[in-house]
PDB file of N, CA and C in Angstrom:
ATOM      1  N   MET A   1     160.457  -5.525 135.098  1.00  0.00           N
ATOM      2  CA  MET A   1     160.843  -4.353 135.848  1.00  0.00           C
ATOM      3  C   MET A   1     162.257  -3.622 135.611  1.00  0.00           C
ATOM      4  N   LEU A   2     163.421  -3.379 134.732  1.00  0.00           N
ATOM      5  CA  LEU A   2     164.473  -2.466 135.055  1.00  0.00           C
ATOM      6  C   LEU A   2     164.649  -2.941 136.465  1.00  0.00           C
ATOM      7  N   SER A   3     164.068  -2.493 137.423  1.00  0.00           N
ATOM      8  CA  SER A   3     164.870  -2.230 138.990  1.00  0.00           C
ATOM      9  C   SER A   3     164.978  -3.871 138.873  1.00  0.00           C
ATOM     10  N   ASN A   4     164.342  -4.860 138.878  1.00  0.00           N
ATOM     11  CA  ASN A   4     164.413  -6.562 138.811  1.00  0.00           C
ATOM     12  C   ASN A   4     165.722  -6.882 137.835  1.00  0.00           C
ATOM     13  N   LEU A   5     166.709  -6.532 136.736  1.00  0.00           N
ATOM     14  CA  LEU A   5     167.350  -6.664 135.587  1.00  0.00           C
ATOM     15  C   LEU A   5     168.098  -6.042 136.693  1.00  0.00           C
ATOM     16  N   VAL A   6     168.077  -5.055 137.292  1.00  0.00           N
ATOM     17  CA  VAL A   6     169.110  -4.467 137.782  1.00  0.00           C
ATOM     18  C   VAL A   6     169.934  -5.420 139.380  1.00  0.00           C
ATOM     19  N   ALA A   7     168.653  -5.498 139.372  1.00  0.00           N
ATOM     20  CA  ALA A   7     168.902  -5.644 141.978  1.00  0.00           C
ATOM     21  C   ALA A   7     169.618  -7.840 141.360  1.00  0.00           C
ATOM     22  N   SER A   8     168.719  -8.015 139.926  1.00  0.00           N
ATOM     23  CA  SER A   8     169.460  -9.675 139.590  1.00  0.00           C
ATOM     24  C   SER A   8     170.887  -9.701 138.813  1.00  0.00           C
ATOM     25  N   GLY A   9     171.138  -8.813 138.809  1.00  0.00           N
ATOM     26  CA  GLY A   9     173.597  -8.527 138.057  1.00  0.00           C
ATOM     27  C   GLY A   9     172.188  -9.060 136.021  1.00  0.00           C
ATOM     28  N   GLU A  10     171.233  -8.910 136.094  1.00  0.00           N
ATOM     29  CA  GLU A  10     171.403  -9.466 134.586  1.00  0.00           C
ATOM     30  C   GLU A  10     171.495  -7.336 133.239  1.00  0.00           C
ATOM     31  N   ILE A  11     172.093  -6.663 134.110  1.00  0.00           N
ATOM     32  CA  ILE A  11     172.315  -6.031 133.814  1.00  0.00           C
ATOM     33  C   ILE A  11     173.615  -4.603 134.090  1.00  0.00           C
ATOM     34  N   ASN A  12     173.835  -4.634 132.605  1.00  0.00           N
ATOM     35  CA  ASN A  12     175.748  -3.516 133.001  1.00  0.00           C
ATOM     36  C   ASN A  12     174.721  -1.841 133.396  1.00  0.00           C
ATOM     37  N   LEU A  13     175.711  -1.369 134.597  1.00  0.00           N
ATOM     38  CA  LEU A  13     175.458  -0.290 133.867  1.00  0.00           C
ATOM     39  C   LEU A  13     176.223   1.307 134.563  1.00  0.00           C
ATOM     40  N   ALA A  14     175.636   2.820 133.882  1.00  0.00           N
ATOM     41  CA  ALA A  14     177.094   2.413 134.024  1.00  0.00           C
ATOM     42  C   ALA A  14     175.996   4.042 134.138  1.00  0.00           C
ATOM     43  N   TYR A  15     176.604   4.613 134.753  1.00  0.00           N
ATOM     44  CA  TYR A  15     176.244   6.626 135.033  1.00  0.00           C
ATOM     45  C   TYR A  15     177.275   8.212 135.072  1.00  0.00           C
ATOM     46  N   ALA A  16     176.991   9.256 135.684  1.00  0.00           N
ATOM     47  CA  ALA A  16     177.448  10.195 136.151  1.00  0.00           C
ATOM     48  C   ALA A  16     177.083  10.885 136.635  1.00  0.00           C
ATOM     49  N   TYR A  17     177.238  11.347 137.759  1.00  0.00           N
ATOM     50  CA  TYR A  17     177.153  11.689 138.875  1.00  0.00           C
ATOM     51  C   TYR A  17     178.011  13.369 139.369  1.00  0.00           C
ATOM     52  N   PRO A  18     177.622  14.356 139.225  1.00  0.00           N
ATOM     53  CA  PRO A  18     176.631  14.484 138.671  1.00  0.00           C
ATOM     54  C   PRO A  18     176.530  15.096 137.081  1.00  0.00           C
ATOM     55  N   GLU A  19     175.014  14.183 135.858  1.00  0.00           N
ATOM     56  CA  GLU A  19     174.994  14.038 135.022  1.00  0.00           C
ATOM     57  C   GLU A  19     175.242  15.114 134.294  1.00  0.00           C
ATOM     58  N   PRO A  20     176.551  15.269 134.021  1.00  0.00           N
ATOM     59  CA  PRO A  20     176.577  16.629 132.793  1.00  0.00           C
ATOM     60  C   PRO A  20     175.695  16.830 131.531  1.00  0.00           C
ATOM     61  N   GLU A  21     175.238  17.753 131.114  1.00  0.00           N
ATOM     62  CA  GLU A  21     174.543  18.293 129.941  1.00  0.00           C
ATOM     63  C   GLU A  21     174.825  16.953 129.163  1.00  0.00           C
ATOM     64  N   GLY A  22     173.857  16.771 128.222  1.00  0.00           N
ATOM     65  CA  GLY A  22     174.240  15.838 126.797  1.00  0.00           C
ATOM     66  C   GLY A  22     174.712  14.454 126.917  1.00  0.00           C
ATOM     67  N   PHE A  23     175.551  14.234 128.324  1.00  0.00           N
ATOM     68  CA  PHE A  23     175.785  12.531 128.807  1.00  0.00           C
ATOM     69  C   PHE A  23     174.280  11.475 128.462  1.00  0.00           C
ATOM     70  N   LYS A  24     173.913  11.418 128.304  1.00  0.00           N
ATOM     71  CA  LYS A  24     171.507  10.825 127.591  1.00  0.00           C
ATOM     72  C   LYS A  24     172.595  10.871 126.303  1.00  0.00           C
ATOM     73  N   ASP A  25     172.974  11.810 125.718  1.00  0.00           N
ATOM     74  CA  ASP A  25     172.604  12.073 124.465  1.00  0.00           C
ATOM     75  C   ASP A  25     173.988  11.410 123.092  1.00  0.00           C
ATOM     76  N   TYR A  26     175.187  11.541 124.665  1.00  0.00           N
ATOM     77  CA  TYR A  26     176.527  10.873 123.847  1.00  0.00           C
ATOM     78  C   TYR A  26     176.717   9.972 123.352  1.00  0.00           C
ATOM     79  N   PRO A  27     177.275   9.650 121.708  1.00  0.00           N
ATOM     80  CA  PRO A  27     177.303   8.150 121.595  1.00  0.00           C
ATOM     81  C   PRO A  27     178.140   7.257 122.244  1.00  0.00           C
ATOM     82  N   ILE A  28     177.190   6.114 122.883  1.00  0.00           N
ATOM     83  CA  ILE A  28     177.980   4.823 123.440  1.00  0.00           C
ATOM     84  C   ILE A  28     177.713   3.865 122.747  1.00  0.00           C
ATOM     85  N   GLY A  29     179.392   3.224 123.270  1.00  0.00           N
ATOM     86  CA  GLY A  29     179.171   1.768 122.446  1.00  0.00           C
ATOM     87  C   GLY A  29     178.705   0.182 123.449  1.00  0.00           C
ATOM     88  N   PRO A  30     178.872  -0.999 123.040  1.00  0.00           N
ATOM     89  CA  PRO A  30     177.764  -0.607 121.877  1.00  0.00           C
ATOM     90  C   PRO A  30     177.213  -0.153 121.039  1.00  0.00           C
ATOM     91  N   GLN A  31     176.410  -1.148 119.649  1.00  0.00           N
ATOM     92  CA  GLN A  31     174.773   0.193 119.448  1.00  0.00           C
ATOM     93  C   GLN A  31     174.214  -0.910 120.033  1.00  0.00           C
ATOM     94  N   GLU A  32     174.110  -2.450 121.308  1.00  0.00           N
ATOM     95  CA  GLU A  32     173.052  -2.632 121.985  1.00  0.00           C
ATOM     96  C   GLU A  32     172.656  -2.046 123.646  1.00  0.00           C
ATOM     97  N   ALA A  33     173.389  -0.634 123.561  1.00  0.00           N
ATOM     98  CA  ALA A  33     173.683  -0.625 124.745  1.00  0.00           C
ATOM     99  C   ALA A  33     172.589   0.801 124.731  1.00  0.00           C
ATOM    100  N   SER A  34     171.343   1.421 125.940  1.00  0.00           N
ATOM    101  CA  SER A  34     170.518   2.388 125.362  1.00  0.00           C
ATOM    102  C   SER A  34     171.200   2.963 126.549  1.00  0.00           C
ATOM    103  N   TYR A  35     169.941   4.109 127.045  1.00  0.00           N
ATOM    104  CA  TYR A  35     170.063   5.106 127.703  1.00  0.00           C
ATOM    105  C   TYR A  35     168.485   4.918 128.708  1.00  0.00           C
ATOM    106  N   SER A  36     168.620   4.293 129.529  1.00  0.00           N
ATOM    107  CA  SER A  36     167.432   5.293 130.641  1.00  0.00           C
ATOM    108  C   SER A  36     166.643   6.179 131.229  1.00  0.00           C
ATOM    109  N   SER A  37     166.091   6.899 130.852  1.00  0.00           N
ATOM    110  CA  SER A  37     165.694   7.962 131.107  1.00  0.00           C
ATOM    111  C   SER A  37     165.629   7.408 132.973  1.00  0.00           C
ATOM    112  N   ASP A  38     164.459   6.896 133.103  1.00  0.00           N
ATOM    113  CA  ASP A  38     163.820   6.402 134.120  1.00  0.00           C
ATOM    114  C   ASP A  38     165.185   6.304 134.992  1.00  0.00           C
ATOM    115  N   MET A  39     165.653   5.637 135.052  1.00  0.00           N
ATOM    116  CA  MET A  39     167.502   5.883 135.626  1.00  0.00           C
ATOM    117  C   MET A  39     168.112   6.940 135.674  1.00  0.00           C
ATOM    118  N   ARG A  40     168.322   6.771 134.520  1.00  0.00           N
ATOM    119  CA  ARG A  40     169.436   8.468 133.861  1.00  0.00           C
ATOM    120  C   ARG A  40     171.075   7.816 134.533  1.00  0.00           C
ATOM    121  N   GLU A  41     170.893   6.313 133.149  1.00  0.00           N
ATOM    122  CA  GLU A  41     172.114   5.322 133.462  1.00  0.00           C
ATOM    123  C   GLU A  41     171.998   4.966 131.953  1.00  0.00           C
ATOM    124  N   PHE A  42     172.857   4.580 131.995  1.00  0.00           N
ATOM    125  CA  PHE A  42     173.152   3.507 129.685  1.00  0.00           C
ATOM    126  C   PHE A  42     173.062   1.854 130.795  1.00  0.00           C
ATOM    127  N   ILE A  43     172.493   1.494 130.132  1.00  0.00           N
ATOM    128  CA  ILE A  43     172.874   0.308 130.777  1.00  0.00           C
ATOM    129  C   ILE A  43     172.912  -0.640 129.605  1.00  0.00           C
ATOM    130  N   LEU A  44     173.330  -2.059 129.663  1.00  0.00           N
ATOM    131  CA  LEU A  44     173.684  -3.165 128.626  1.00  0.00           C
ATOM    132  C   LEU A  44     172.834  -4.086 128.999  1.00  0.00           C
ATOM    133  N   PRO A  45     172.592  -5.287 129.137  1.00  0.00           N
ATOM    134  CA  PRO A  45     171.880  -6.567 128.916  1.00  0.00           C
ATOM    135  C   PRO A  45     172.875  -7.195 129.850  1.00  0.00           C
ATOM    136  N   TYR A  46     172.405  -7.473 130.232  1.00  0.00           N
ATOM    137  CA  TYR A  46     173.533  -8.730 130.573  1.00  0.00           C
ATOM    138  C   TYR A  46     173.107 -10.090 129.556  1.00  0.00           C
ATOM    139  N   GLU A  47     172.265 -10.956 129.249  1.00  0.00           N
ATOM    140  CA  GLU A  47     171.482 -11.152 127.675  1.00  0.00           C
ATOM    141  C   GLU A  47     172.473 -10.949 126.562  1.00  0.00           C
ATOM    142  N   VAL A  48     172.070  -9.790 126.417  1.00  0.00           N
ATOM    143  CA  VAL A  48     173.141  -9.142 125.256  1.00  0.00           C
ATOM    144  C   VAL A  48     174.874  -9.359 125.321  1.00  0.00           C
ATOM    145  N   VAL A  49     175.739  -9.432 126.259  1.00  0.00           N
ATOM    146  CA  VAL A  49     176.837  -9.326 126.812  1.00  0.00           C
ATOM    147  C   VAL A  49     177.193 -10.958 126.332  1.00  0.00           C
ATOM    148  N   ARG A  50     176.190 -12.460 127.004  1.00  0.00           N
ATOM    149  CA  ARG A  50     176.404 -13.640 127.309  1.00  0.00           C
ATOM    150  C   ARG A  50     176.025 -13.910 125.818  1.00  0.00           C
ATOM    151  N   GLN A  51     175.596 -13.582 124.863  1.00  0.00           N
ATOM    152  CA  GLN A  51     175.876 -13.714 124.054  1.00  0.00           C
ATOM    153  C   GLN A  51     176.675 -13.185 122.177  1.00  0.00           C
ATOM    154  N   ALA A  52     176.933 -12.505 122.953  1.00  0.00           N
ATOM    155  CA  ALA A  52     178.193 -11.751 122.429  1.00  0.00           C
ATOM    156  C   ALA A  52     179.229 -12.489 121.628  1.00  0.00           C
ATOM    157  N   ASN A  53     180.051 -11.961 120.512  1.00  0.00           N
ATOM    158  CA  ASN A  53     181.188 -13.646 119.926  1.00  0.00           C
ATOM    159  C   ASN A  53     182.463 -12.813 120.791  1.00  0.00           C
ATOM    160  N   ASP A  54     182.624 -11.831 121.415  1.00  0.00           N
ATOM    161  CA  ASP A  54     183.801 -11.494 122.149  1.00  0.00           C
ATOM    162  C   ASP A  54     183.413 -10.463 123.713  1.00  0.00           C
ATOM    163  N   PRO A  55     182.089 -11.954 124.786  1.00  0.00           N
ATOM    164  CA  PRO A  55     181.880 -10.367 125.075  1.00  0.00           C
ATOM    165  C   PRO A  55     182.703  -9.091 126.302  1.00  0.00           C
ATOM    166  N   ASP A  56     184.468 -10.173 126.103  1.00  0.00           N
ATOM    167  CA  ASP A  56     185.344  -8.798 126.474  1.00  0.00           C
ATOM    168  C   ASP A  56     185.249  -8.040 126.457  1.00  0.00           C
ATOM    169  N   ALA A  57     185.721  -8.201 124.914  1.00  0.00           N
ATOM    170  CA  ALA A  57     186.054  -6.755 124.437  1.00  0.00           C
ATOM    171  C   ALA A  57     183.874  -5.873 123.966  1.00  0.00           C
ATOM    172  N   MET A  58     182.838  -7.057 124.133  1.00  0.00           N
ATOM    173  CA  MET A  58     181.747  -6.140 124.219  1.00  0.00           C
ATOM    174  C   MET A  58     181.144  -4.812 125.731  1.00  0.00           C
ATOM    175  N   VAL A  59     181.848  -5.430 126.629  1.00  0.00           N
ATOM    176  CA  VAL A  59     181.974  -4.502 127.860  1.00  0.00           C
ATOM    177  C   VAL A  59     182.615  -4.101 127.731  1.00  0.00           C
ATOM    178  N   LEU A  60     183.781  -4.081 127.454  1.00  0.00           N
ATOM    179  CA  LEU A  60     185.024  -2.911 127.763  1.00  0.00           C
ATOM    180  C   LEU A  60     184.967  -1.757 126.572  1.00  0.00           C
ATOM    181  N   THR A  61     183.769  -1.515 125.499  1.00  0.00           N
ATOM    182  CA  THR A  61     183.769  -0.051 124.677  1.00  0.00           C
ATOM    183  C   THR A  61     182.612   0.035 125.575  1.00  0.00           C
ATOM    184  N   PHE A  62     181.995  -0.543 126.285  1.00  0.00           N
ATOM    185  CA  PHE A  62     180.463   0.262 126.597  1.00  0.00           C
ATOM    186  C   PHE A  62     180.866   1.129 128.462  1.00  0.00           C
ATOM    187  N   LEU A  63     182.492   0.301 128.506  1.00  0.00           N
ATOM    188  CA  LEU A  63     181.916   1.005 129.687  1.00  0.00           C
ATOM    189  C   LEU A  63     184.278   2.136 129.573  1.00  0.00           C
ATOM    190  N   GLN A  64     184.316   1.247 128.485  1.00  0.00           N
ATOM    191  CA  GLN A  64     185.526   3.083 128.446  1.00  0.00           C
ATOM    192  C   GLN A  64     184.420   4.554 127.573  1.00  0.00           C
ATOM    193  N   SER A  65     183.485   4.173 126.546  1.00  0.00           N
ATOM    194  CA  SER A  65     183.255   5.124 125.862  1.00  0.00           C
ATOM    195  C   SER A  65     181.843   5.613 127.139  1.00  0.00           C
ATOM    196  N   THR A  66     180.578   5.308 128.159  1.00  0.00           N
ATOM    197  CA  THR A  66     180.416   5.750 129.298  1.00  0.00           C
ATOM    198  C   THR A  66     181.673   6.418 129.830  1.00  0.00           C
ATOM    199  N   TYR A  67     183.144   6.224 129.699  1.00  0.00           N
ATOM    200  CA  TYR A  67     183.543   7.305 130.708  1.00  0.00           C
ATOM    201  C   TYR A  67     184.102   8.181 130.292  1.00  0.00           C
ATOM    202  N   GLU A  68     184.675   8.005 128.425  1.00  0.00           N
ATOM    203  CA  GLU A  68     184.747   9.006 128.093  1.00  0.00           C
ATOM    204  C   GLU A  68     183.432  10.639 127.760  1.00  0.00           C
ATOM    205  N   ALA A  69     182.390   9.771 127.516  1.00  0.00           N
ATOM    206  CA  ALA A  69     180.791  10.299 127.263  1.00  0.00           C
ATOM    207  C   ALA A  69     181.241  11.542 129.315  1.00  0.00           C
ATOM    208  N   ALA A  70     181.326  10.487 130.644  1.00  0.00           N
ATOM    209  CA  ALA A  70     181.655  11.340 131.319  1.00  0.00           C
ATOM    210  C   ALA A  70     182.271  12.396 131.414  1.00  0.00           C
ATOM    211  N   ALA A  71     183.800  12.091 130.606  1.00  0.00           N
ATOM    212  CA  ALA A  71     185.429  13.324 130.887  1.00  0.00           C
ATOM    213  C   ALA A  71     185.276  14.018 130.122  1.00  0.00           C
ATOM    214  N   ASN A  72     184.806  13.933 128.921  1.00  0.00           N
ATOM    215  CA  ASN A  72     184.265  15.019 128.373  1.00  0.00           C
ATOM    216  C   ASN A  72     183.468  16.076 128.123  1.00  0.00           C
ATOM    217  N   LEU A  73     182.813  15.744 128.810  1.00  0.00           N
ATOM    218  CA  LEU A  73     181.268  16.634 129.243  1.00  0.00           C
ATOM    219  C   LEU A  73     181.512  17.381 130.509  1.00  0.00           C
ATOM    220  N   ALA A  74     181.801  16.665 131.280  1.00  0.00           N
ATOM    221  CA  ALA A  74     182.199  17.276 132.504  1.00  0.00           C
ATOM    222  C   ALA A  74     183.909  17.932 132.567  1.00  0.00           C
ATOM    223  N   GLN A  75     184.356  17.751 131.236  1.00  0.00           N
ATOM    224  CA  GLN A  75     185.915  18.151 131.464  1.00  0.00           C
ATOM    225  C   GLN A  75     186.635  18.107 132.131  1.00  0.00           C
ATOM    226  N   TRP A  76     186.856  16.588 132.664  1.00  0.00           N
ATOM    227  CA  TRP A  76     187.740  16.089 133.903  1.00  0.00           C
ATOM    228  C   TRP A  76     189.721  16.792 133.570  1.00  0.00           C
ATOM    229  N   ASP A  77     190.605  15.887 133.588  1.00  0.00           N
ATOM    230  CA  ASP A  77     191.628  16.540 133.506  1.00  0.00           C
ATOM    231  C   ASP A  77     191.712  14.777 132.950  1.00  0.00           C
ATOM    232  N   ARG A  78     191.332  14.439 131.592  1.00  0.00           N
ATOM    233  CA  ARG A  78     192.156  13.181 130.864  1.00  0.00           C
ATOM    234  C   ARG A  78     193.267  12.640 131.305  1.00  0.00           C
ATOM    235  N   ALA A  79     194.164  13.550 130.649  1.00  0.00           N
ATOM    236  CA  ALA A  79     195.889  13.646 131.551  1.00  0.00           C
ATOM    237  C   ALA A  79     196.556  13.056 132.667  1.00  0.00           C
ATOM    238  N   ALA A  80     195.582  12.988 133.429  1.00  0.00           N
ATOM    239  CA  ALA A  80     195.539  12.954 135.129  1.00  0.00           C
ATOM    240  C   ALA A  80     195.128  12.307 135.072  1.00  0.00           C
ATOM    241  N   LEU A  81     193.732  11.655 134.714  1.00  0.00           N
ATOM    242  CA  LEU A  81     193.256  10.408 135.077  1.00  0.00           C
ATOM    243  C   LEU A  81     193.628   8.975 134.282  1.00  0.00           C
ATOM    244  N   ASP A  82     193.828   9.224 132.800  1.00  0.00           N
ATOM    245  CA  ASP A  82     194.043   8.540 132.049  1.00  0.00           C
ATOM    246  C   ASP A  82     194.608   7.342 132.232  1.00  0.00           C
ATOM    247  N   TYR A  83     194.318   5.985 132.210  1.00  0.00           N
ATOM    248  CA  TYR A  83     195.455   5.654 131.933  1.00  0.00           C
ATOM    249  C   TYR A  83     195.853   4.505 130.795  1.00  0.00           C
ATOM    250  N   ALA A  84     196.999   4.011 130.483  1.00  0.00           N
ATOM    251  CA  ALA A  84     197.358   3.712 129.565  1.00  0.00           C
ATOM    252  C   ALA A  84     198.221   2.243 130.181  1.00  0.00           C
ATOM    253  N   PRO A  85     198.018   0.927 129.828  1.00  0.00           N
ATOM    254  CA  PRO A  85     198.147   0.329 130.799  1.00  0.00           C
ATOM    255  C   PRO A  85     199.309  -0.523 130.042  1.00  0.00           C
ATOM    256  N   VAL A  86     200.285  -0.773 129.778  1.00  0.00           N
ATOM    257  CA  VAL A  86     201.253  -1.413 129.160  1.00  0.00           C
ATOM    258  C   VAL A  86     201.390  -3.275 129.386  1.00  0.00           C
ATOM    259  N   LEU A  87     201.180  -3.547 127.629  1.00  0.00           N
ATOM    260  CA  LEU A  87     200.702  -5.108 127.761  1.00  0.00           C
ATOM    261  C   LEU A  87     202.058  -5.866 127.380  1.00  0.00           C
ATOM    262  N   LYS A  88     202.155  -6.750 128.365  1.00  0.00           N
ATOM    263  CA  LYS A  88     203.227  -8.143 128.054  1.00  0.00           C
ATOM    264  C   LYS A  88     202.752  -9.541 126.857  1.00  0.00           C
ATOM    265  N   SER A  89     203.967  -9.118 126.269  1.00  0.00           N
ATOM    266  CA  SER A  89     202.742 -10.298 124.666  1.00  0.00           C
ATOM    267  C   SER A  89     203.841 -11.626 125.339  1.00  0.00           C
TER     268      SER A  89
END
């Protein structure tokens, strides 16, 4: 059951509240992520992340794409909210 996976931490979640129109149909990455109509959230199973070649990149893709879905559809002020980190070499 999905709620057991959530409670055990075996799943990554992303949602927007209030959910903007079109949120569930927005293209989200990675391809293993999906939208749960029951929970009204995007999910990315932990086991998929655990087995990924680059789990950090997979989770970052999931979080960035779900953020963009919420921000774009809800017409957030992205210029005021987005952050571009300064990477040290």
